[in-house]
Protein backbone atom coordinates (compact mmCIF):
# COMPACT_ATOMS: atom_id res chain seq x y z
CA MET A 1 -16.69 -8.53 -5.87
CA HIS A 2 -13.82 -8.80 -8.40
CA ALA A 3 -12.04 -5.62 -7.70
CA ASP A 4 -8.53 -6.43 -9.59
CA ASN A 5 -8.29 -5.51 -12.71
CA ALA A 6 -7.01 -1.96 -11.97
CA PHE A 7 -4.71 -0.81 -8.77
CA HIS A 8 -6.63 1.70 -6.47
CA VAL A 9 -4.63 4.24 -4.79
CA ALA A 10 -4.08 7.05 -2.13
CA LEU A 11 -2.01 9.87 -2.81
CA ALA A 12 -0.28 11.50 -0.02
CA ASP A 13 2.68 13.80 0.73
CA GLY A 14 3.65 13.62 -2.97
CA ARG A 15 3.51 9.56 -2.66
CA VAL A 16 1.37 7.28 -4.45
CA PHE A 17 0.46 4.53 -2.21
CA PHE A 18 -1.24 0.93 -3.66
CA GLY A 19 -1.36 -2.66 -2.83
CA SER A 20 -0.72 -5.34 -5.43
CA SER A 21 -3.35 -8.33 -5.61
CA VAL A 22 -0.28 -10.35 -7.94
CA THR A 23 2.60 -9.38 -6.06
CA ASP A 24 0.47 -9.50 -2.70
CA ASP A 25 2.98 -6.39 -1.83
CA ILE A 26 1.66 -2.44 -0.65
CA TYR A 27 3.58 0.24 -2.29
CA ALA A 28 5.04 3.40 -1.91
CA MET A 29 6.24 5.60 -4.90
CA GLU A 30 7.06 9.35 -5.62
CA VAL A 31 4.57 11.12 -8.12
CA ALA A 32 7.41 13.08 -9.94
CA SER A 33 9.70 10.57 -10.62
CA GLY A 34 7.85 7.10 -10.53
CA ASP A 35 10.61 5.65 -8.53
CA VAL A 36 9.39 3.28 -5.53
CA CYS A 37 10.09 4.30 -1.97
CA TRP A 38 9.75 1.13 -0.62
CA ARG A 39 7.47 -2.35 -0.74
CA PHE A 40 6.15 -4.09 1.80
CA SER A 41 5.16 -7.93 1.52
CA THR A 42 2.16 -9.39 2.80
CA GLU A 43 0.59 -12.64 3.08
CA GLY A 44 -2.08 -12.31 0.56
CA PRO A 45 -3.54 -10.26 -2.28
CA VAL A 46 -4.02 -6.55 -1.02
CA ARG A 47 -7.21 -5.82 -3.42
CA PHE A 48 -8.04 -2.41 -2.50
CA ALA A 49 -6.69 1.09 -1.72
CA PRO A 50 -4.96 1.58 1.42
CA SER A 51 -5.58 5.00 3.61
CA VAL A 52 -2.88 7.30 4.71
CA CYS A 53 -3.39 9.33 8.05
CA ASN A 54 -0.69 11.51 9.88
CA GLY A 55 2.40 9.62 8.49
CA ARG A 56 0.45 6.04 8.61
CA VAL A 57 -0.48 3.54 6.18
CA TYR A 58 -3.31 1.35 6.50
CA ALA A 59 -4.00 -1.70 4.15
CA GLY A 60 -5.81 -5.01 4.53
CA SER A 61 -5.11 -7.96 2.88
CA ASP A 62 -6.86 -11.12 1.77
CA ASP A 63 -4.33 -12.83 4.20
CA GLY A 64 -6.99 -11.71 7.44
CA TYR A 65 -4.64 -8.50 8.48
CA VAL A 66 -4.82 -4.78 8.81
CA TYR A 67 -1.27 -3.51 8.42
CA CYS A 68 -0.07 -0.24 9.85
CA LEU A 69 2.92 1.20 8.19
CA ASP A 70 5.26 3.98 8.63
CA ALA A 71 4.20 6.35 5.27
CA SER A 72 7.97 7.38 5.29
CA ASP A 73 9.89 3.86 5.32
CA GLY A 74 7.23 1.17 5.26
CA SER A 75 8.42 -0.57 8.46
CA LEU A 76 5.51 -2.08 10.35
CA VAL A 77 4.09 -0.28 13.52
CA TRP A 78 1.88 -3.09 13.75
């Protein structure tokens, strides 16, 4: 399935979260300013929107892993 024409996003707490199939990163940006809050690198494309719940960001990558990140700073939880 081709899904790379647009970034799929999740919104929570004034931030937009999305993955990139170009840079293989997961991003958090402030909605109001457009500033990048943090970026987390994976080893493969991130093709679909992350999920955000209880201060955690969950995202899958084509590297075969699902990542759980702290939504406030992008640090790896597991």
